[in-house]
Amino acid sequence: MNLYVAGWDDDALALFSRSLITGAVSFLGHLKHGEDGVYALDAPHFLSVSPDGENVYVALWDEDAFYVYNRNTDTEILEYNSKISNVGADADGETVIGLEGPRSFLVSLDG
């Protein structure tokens, strides 16, 4: 089981594992803006894991956007998938509006 924390002031996501038996939490690593090829992770404000556990969605306040990360359920590693922003288009080429300063969101139960 994992715990993910959005570090707004640190421009980072912290990754932890959690024991199902004891509840103990152990630091696994982080994704931080400007380190190890991670860029534009500016002020992550909120995140959520998809119901199937395969994706992590992150709302980015300062970027007027949200990011999608693929989650490897074996290694617990997050890998960048895509970005949807207030200016521009989504993966289907549709213009996206309404994402100015996102603070939270809800992932539907069907993913």
N, C-alpha and C. Protein backbone atom coordinates (compact mmCIF):
# COMPACT_ATOMS: atom_id res chain seq x y z
N MET A 1 0.85 -1.17 0.00
CA MET A 1 0.00 0.00 0.00
C MET A 1 0.90 1.23 0.00
N ASN A 2 0.45 2.29 -0.65
CA ASN A 2 1.24 3.51 -0.77
C ASN A 2 0.54 4.73 -0.22
N LEU A 3 1.36 5.71 0.08
CA LEU A 3 0.90 7.03 0.49
C LEU A 3 1.65 8.02 -0.39
N TYR A 4 0.93 8.95 -1.00
CA TYR A 4 1.52 9.99 -1.83
C TYR A 4 1.17 11.34 -1.21
N VAL A 5 2.15 12.24 -1.15
CA VAL A 5 1.93 13.56 -0.54
C VAL A 5 2.34 14.63 -1.54
N ALA A 6 1.45 15.61 -1.75
CA ALA A 6 1.75 16.76 -2.62
C ALA A 6 2.44 17.82 -1.79
N GLY A 7 3.66 18.18 -2.17
CA GLY A 7 4.43 19.21 -1.46
C GLY A 7 4.36 20.52 -2.23
N TRP A 8 3.36 21.34 -1.93
CA TRP A 8 3.13 22.58 -2.66
C TRP A 8 4.36 23.48 -2.64
N ASP A 9 4.85 23.83 -1.47
CA ASP A 9 5.99 24.74 -1.38
C ASP A 9 7.29 24.12 -1.88
N ASP A 10 7.37 22.79 -1.91
CA ASP A 10 8.58 22.11 -2.33
C ASP A 10 8.55 21.73 -3.82
N ASP A 11 7.42 21.97 -4.49
CA ASP A 11 7.26 21.58 -5.90
C ASP A 11 7.61 20.11 -6.08
N ALA A 12 7.01 19.25 -5.24
CA ALA A 12 7.38 17.84 -5.26
C ALA A 12 6.22 16.95 -4.85
N LEU A 13 6.37 15.68 -5.20
CA LEU A 13 5.50 14.62 -4.71
C LEU A 13 6.37 13.67 -3.91
N ALA A 14 5.99 13.36 -2.70
CA ALA A 14 6.72 12.40 -1.88
C ALA A 14 5.98 11.07 -1.94
N LEU A 15 6.74 9.98 -2.03
CA LEU A 15 6.18 8.64 -2.14
C LEU A 15 6.57 7.82 -0.92
N PHE A 16 5.60 7.16 -0.32
CA PHE A 16 5.83 6.33 0.87
C PHE A 16 5.16 4.98 0.68
N SER A 17 5.69 3.97 1.33
CA SER A 17 4.99 2.69 1.41
C SER A 17 4.42 2.59 2.82
N ARG A 18 3.34 1.82 2.94
CA ARG A 18 2.69 1.66 4.25
C ARG A 18 2.41 0.19 4.49
N SER A 19 2.85 -0.31 5.63
CA SER A 19 2.64 -1.69 6.00
C SER A 19 1.17 -1.92 6.33
N LEU A 20 0.58 -2.94 5.72
CA LEU A 20 -0.81 -3.28 6.02
C LEU A 20 -0.94 -3.91 7.40
N ILE A 21 0.15 -4.44 7.92
CA ILE A 21 0.12 -5.11 9.22
C ILE A 21 0.31 -4.12 10.36
N THR A 22 1.37 -3.31 10.28
CA THR A 22 1.68 -2.41 11.40
C THR A 22 1.22 -0.98 11.17
N GLY A 23 1.00 -0.62 9.91
CA GLY A 23 0.65 0.77 9.59
C GLY A 23 1.86 1.67 9.47
N ALA A 24 3.06 1.11 9.67
CA ALA A 24 4.29 1.90 9.58
C ALA A 24 4.48 2.45 8.16
N VAL A 25 4.97 3.66 8.09
CA VAL A 25 5.20 4.35 6.82
C VAL A 25 6.70 4.48 6.58
N SER A 26 7.13 4.15 5.33
CA SER A 26 8.55 4.25 4.96
C SER A 26 8.68 5.09 3.71
N PHE A 27 9.64 6.00 3.70
CA PHE A 27 9.89 6.88 2.56
C PHE A 27 10.48 6.07 1.40
N LEU A 28 9.88 6.20 0.20
CA LEU A 28 10.38 5.52 -0.99
C LEU A 28 11.18 6.44 -1.89
N GLY A 29 10.82 7.71 -1.92
CA GLY A 29 11.48 8.66 -2.81
C GLY A 29 10.57 9.82 -3.12
N HIS A 30 10.97 10.61 -4.11
CA HIS A 30 10.16 11.77 -4.48
C HIS A 30 10.34 12.12 -5.94
N LEU A 31 9.38 12.85 -6.45
CA LEU A 31 9.49 13.51 -7.75
C LEU A 31 9.53 14.99 -7.44
N LYS A 32 10.58 15.67 -7.87
CA LYS A 32 10.74 17.08 -7.55
C LYS A 32 11.09 17.87 -8.80
N HIS A 33 10.44 19.01 -8.93
CA HIS A 33 10.70 19.91 -10.06
C HIS A 33 12.20 20.19 -10.18
N GLY A 34 12.74 19.99 -11.37
CA GLY A 34 14.15 20.29 -11.63
C GLY A 34 15.12 19.17 -11.29
N GLU A 35 14.63 18.03 -10.79
CA GLU A 35 15.51 16.91 -10.46
C GLU A 35 15.16 15.69 -11.31
N ASP A 36 16.18 15.01 -11.79
CA ASP A 36 16.01 13.73 -12.49
C ASP A 36 15.02 13.80 -13.65
N GLY A 37 15.05 14.88 -14.41
CA GLY A 37 14.18 15.00 -15.57
C GLY A 37 12.74 15.40 -15.27
N VAL A 38 12.44 15.74 -14.03
CA VAL A 38 11.09 16.17 -13.67
C VAL A 38 11.02 17.69 -13.81
N TYR A 39 10.11 18.16 -14.65
CA TYR A 39 9.96 19.60 -14.84
C TYR A 39 8.49 19.99 -14.79
N ALA A 40 8.27 21.22 -14.47
CA ALA A 40 6.92 21.82 -14.45
C ALA A 40 6.02 21.16 -13.42
N LEU A 41 6.57 20.71 -12.32
CA LEU A 41 5.76 20.19 -11.21
C LEU A 41 5.67 21.33 -10.21
N ASP A 42 4.95 22.37 -10.62
CA ASP A 42 4.92 23.63 -9.89
C ASP A 42 3.69 23.71 -8.99
N ALA A 43 3.92 23.70 -7.69
CA ALA A 43 2.87 23.86 -6.67
C ALA A 43 1.77 22.81 -6.77
N PRO A 44 2.14 21.51 -6.64
CA PRO A 44 1.08 20.50 -6.62
C PRO A 44 0.19 20.72 -5.41
N HIS A 45 -1.09 20.77 -5.63
CA HIS A 45 -2.02 21.14 -4.57
C HIS A 45 -2.83 19.96 -4.05
N PHE A 46 -3.10 19.02 -4.91
CA PHE A 46 -3.98 17.91 -4.54
C PHE A 46 -3.65 16.73 -5.45
N LEU A 47 -3.80 15.51 -4.95
CA LEU A 47 -3.61 14.35 -5.80
C LEU A 47 -4.57 13.25 -5.41
N SER A 48 -4.77 12.31 -6.33
CA SER A 48 -5.65 11.19 -6.09
C SER A 48 -5.19 10.01 -6.93
N VAL A 49 -5.41 8.82 -6.41
CA VAL A 49 -5.08 7.59 -7.12
C VAL A 49 -6.37 7.05 -7.74
N SER A 50 -6.27 6.58 -8.98
CA SER A 50 -7.44 6.02 -9.65
C SER A 50 -7.92 4.77 -8.91
N PRO A 51 -9.21 4.44 -9.03
CA PRO A 51 -9.74 3.26 -8.33
C PRO A 51 -9.01 1.96 -8.65
N ASP A 52 -8.48 1.82 -9.88
CA ASP A 52 -7.76 0.60 -10.24
C ASP A 52 -6.30 0.65 -9.79
N GLY A 53 -5.86 1.79 -9.22
CA GLY A 53 -4.49 1.93 -8.71
C GLY A 53 -3.43 2.14 -9.77
N GLU A 54 -3.82 2.28 -11.02
CA GLU A 54 -2.84 2.38 -12.10
C GLU A 54 -2.42 3.79 -12.44
N ASN A 55 -3.14 4.82 -11.96
CA ASN A 55 -2.79 6.20 -12.27
C ASN A 55 -2.86 7.06 -11.03
N VAL A 56 -2.02 8.10 -11.04
CA VAL A 56 -2.07 9.13 -10.00
C VAL A 56 -2.30 10.45 -10.72
N TYR A 57 -3.31 11.21 -10.27
CA TYR A 57 -3.66 12.49 -10.86
C TYR A 57 -3.24 13.59 -9.89
N VAL A 58 -2.62 14.65 -10.42
CA VAL A 58 -2.10 15.72 -9.57
C VAL A 58 -2.60 17.07 -10.08
N ALA A 59 -3.27 17.84 -9.21
CA ALA A 59 -3.71 19.20 -9.54
C ALA A 59 -2.57 20.16 -9.25
N LEU A 60 -2.25 21.01 -10.22
CA LEU A 60 -1.15 21.97 -10.09
C LEU A 60 -1.70 23.39 -10.10
N TRP A 61 -1.77 23.97 -8.94
CA TRP A 61 -2.34 25.29 -8.72
C TRP A 61 -1.70 26.34 -9.63
N ASP A 62 -0.39 26.48 -9.58
CA ASP A 62 0.31 27.55 -10.31
C ASP A 62 0.32 27.35 -11.81
N GLU A 63 0.11 26.12 -12.27
CA GLU A 63 0.15 25.84 -13.70
C GLU A 63 -1.23 25.81 -14.35
N ASP A 64 -2.29 25.95 -13.54
CA ASP A 64 -3.65 25.84 -14.08
C ASP A 64 -3.79 24.54 -14.88
N ALA A 65 -3.39 23.43 -14.24
CA ALA A 65 -3.34 22.16 -14.96
C ALA A 65 -3.44 20.99 -13.99
N PHE A 66 -3.56 19.81 -14.58
CA PHE A 66 -3.34 18.60 -13.80
C PHE A 66 -2.52 17.63 -14.63
N TYR A 67 -1.73 16.83 -13.92
CA TYR A 67 -0.86 15.84 -14.55
C TYR A 67 -1.42 14.45 -14.29
N VAL A 68 -1.14 13.56 -15.21
CA VAL A 68 -1.47 12.16 -15.04
C VAL A 68 -0.16 11.38 -15.02
N TYR A 69 0.02 10.56 -13.98
CA TYR A 69 1.18 9.69 -13.87
C TYR A 69 0.70 8.24 -13.91
N ASN A 70 1.42 7.40 -14.64
CA ASN A 70 1.18 5.96 -14.60
C ASN A 70 1.85 5.44 -13.33
N ARG A 71 1.19 4.53 -12.65
CA ARG A 71 1.73 3.97 -11.41
C ARG A 71 2.03 2.50 -11.64
N ASN A 72 3.30 2.13 -11.51
CA ASN A 72 3.69 0.73 -11.62
C ASN A 72 3.35 0.05 -10.30
N THR A 73 2.39 -0.85 -10.32
CA THR A 73 1.93 -1.47 -9.08
C THR A 73 2.94 -2.45 -8.49
N ASP A 74 3.94 -2.86 -9.27
CA ASP A 74 4.99 -3.75 -8.74
C ASP A 74 6.13 -2.97 -8.10
N THR A 75 6.59 -1.90 -8.77
CA THR A 75 7.75 -1.14 -8.28
C THR A 75 7.36 0.11 -7.52
N GLU A 76 6.08 0.52 -7.61
CA GLU A 76 5.55 1.73 -6.98
C GLU A 76 6.07 3.01 -7.62
N ILE A 77 6.79 2.91 -8.72
CA ILE A 77 7.34 4.07 -9.41
C ILE A 77 6.26 4.79 -10.20
N LEU A 78 6.27 6.12 -10.17
CA LEU A 78 5.37 6.94 -10.97
C LEU A 78 6.10 7.41 -12.21
N GLU A 79 5.43 7.30 -13.35
CA GLU A 79 6.00 7.75 -14.61
C GLU A 79 5.03 8.72 -15.28
N TYR A 80 5.55 9.87 -15.71
CA TYR A 80 4.73 10.90 -16.35
C TYR A 80 3.98 10.31 -17.54
N ASN A 81 2.68 10.64 -17.65
CA ASN A 81 1.85 10.21 -18.77
C ASN A 81 1.44 11.41 -19.61
N SER A 82 0.77 12.39 -18.98
CA SER A 82 0.27 13.53 -19.75
C SER A 82 -0.08 14.70 -18.85
N LYS A 83 -0.33 15.83 -19.49
CA LYS A 83 -0.70 17.06 -18.80
C LYS A 83 -1.92 17.64 -19.50
N ILE A 84 -2.91 18.05 -18.70
CA ILE A 84 -4.07 18.75 -19.24
C ILE A 84 -4.03 20.14 -18.62
N SER A 85 -4.00 21.18 -19.45
CA SER A 85 -3.88 22.53 -18.92
C SER A 85 -5.02 23.43 -19.38
N ASN A 86 -5.15 24.54 -18.69
CA ASN A 86 -6.22 25.51 -18.96
C ASN A 86 -6.07 26.14 -20.34
N VAL A 87 -4.87 26.25 -20.80
CA VAL A 87 -4.64 26.82 -22.13
C VAL A 87 -4.09 25.71 -23.01
N GLY A 88 -4.73 25.47 -24.10
CA GLY A 88 -4.29 24.42 -24.99
C GLY A 88 -5.39 23.40 -25.19
N ALA A 89 -4.98 22.19 -25.54
CA ALA A 89 -5.95 21.16 -25.86
C ALA A 89 -5.62 19.89 -25.09
N ASP A 90 -6.64 19.07 -24.90
CA ASP A 90 -6.43 17.79 -24.25
C ASP A 90 -5.96 16.76 -25.29
N ALA A 91 -5.88 15.51 -24.88
CA ALA A 91 -5.37 14.46 -25.76
C ALA A 91 -6.21 14.27 -27.02
N ASP A 92 -7.49 14.65 -26.96
CA ASP A 92 -8.37 14.51 -28.12
C ASP A 92 -8.41 15.78 -28.97
N GLY A 93 -7.59 16.79 -28.62
CA GLY A 93 -7.57 18.01 -29.39
C GLY A 93 -8.63 19.02 -29.00
N GLU A 94 -9.38 18.75 -27.95
CA GLU A 94 -10.43 19.66 -27.50
C GLU A 94 -9.83 20.75 -26.62
N THR A 95 -10.31 21.98 -26.77
CA THR A 95 -9.85 23.09 -25.94
C THR A 95 -10.32 22.88 -24.51
N VAL A 96 -9.42 23.12 -23.56
CA VAL A 96 -9.73 22.92 -22.15
C VAL A 96 -9.84 24.27 -21.46
N ILE A 97 -10.94 24.50 -20.75
CA ILE A 97 -11.10 25.70 -19.93
C ILE A 97 -11.62 25.26 -18.56
N GLY A 98 -11.53 26.15 -17.59
CA GLY A 98 -12.06 25.85 -16.27
C GLY A 98 -11.07 25.23 -15.31
N LEU A 99 -9.79 25.32 -15.63
CA LEU A 99 -8.77 24.73 -14.76
C LEU A 99 -7.90 25.78 -14.07
N GLU A 100 -8.40 26.99 -13.95
CA GLU A 100 -7.58 28.02 -13.32
C GLU A 100 -7.48 27.77 -11.82
N GLY A 101 -6.25 27.55 -11.35
CA GLY A 101 -6.00 27.34 -9.93
C GLY A 101 -6.72 26.15 -9.33
N PRO A 102 -6.61 24.95 -9.95
CA PRO A 102 -7.33 23.80 -9.39
C PRO A 102 -6.84 23.45 -8.00
N ARG A 103 -7.79 23.23 -7.09
CA ARG A 103 -7.44 22.88 -5.71
C ARG A 103 -7.79 21.44 -5.37
N SER A 104 -8.77 20.89 -6.06
CA SER A 104 -9.16 19.51 -5.80
C SER A 104 -9.94 18.98 -6.99
N PHE A 105 -10.21 17.70 -6.97
CA PHE A 105 -11.00 17.05 -8.01
C PHE A 105 -11.46 15.71 -7.46
N LEU A 106 -12.28 15.03 -8.21
CA LEU A 106 -12.77 13.73 -7.82
C LEU A 106 -12.61 12.79 -9.00
N VAL A 107 -12.01 11.63 -8.77
CA VAL A 107 -11.89 10.62 -9.79
C VAL A 107 -13.13 9.74 -9.69
N SER A 108 -13.84 9.56 -10.80
CA SER A 108 -15.06 8.76 -10.77
C SER A 108 -14.73 7.30 -10.42
N LEU A 109 -15.68 6.61 -9.87
CA LEU A 109 -15.48 5.23 -9.43
C LEU A 109 -15.12 4.29 -10.57
N ASP A 110 -15.52 4.64 -11.81
CA ASP A 110 -15.18 3.80 -12.94
C ASP A 110 -13.84 4.19 -13.58
N GLY A 111 -13.14 5.11 -12.91
CA GLY A 111 -11.81 5.50 -13.38
C GLY A 111 -11.84 6.58 -14.41
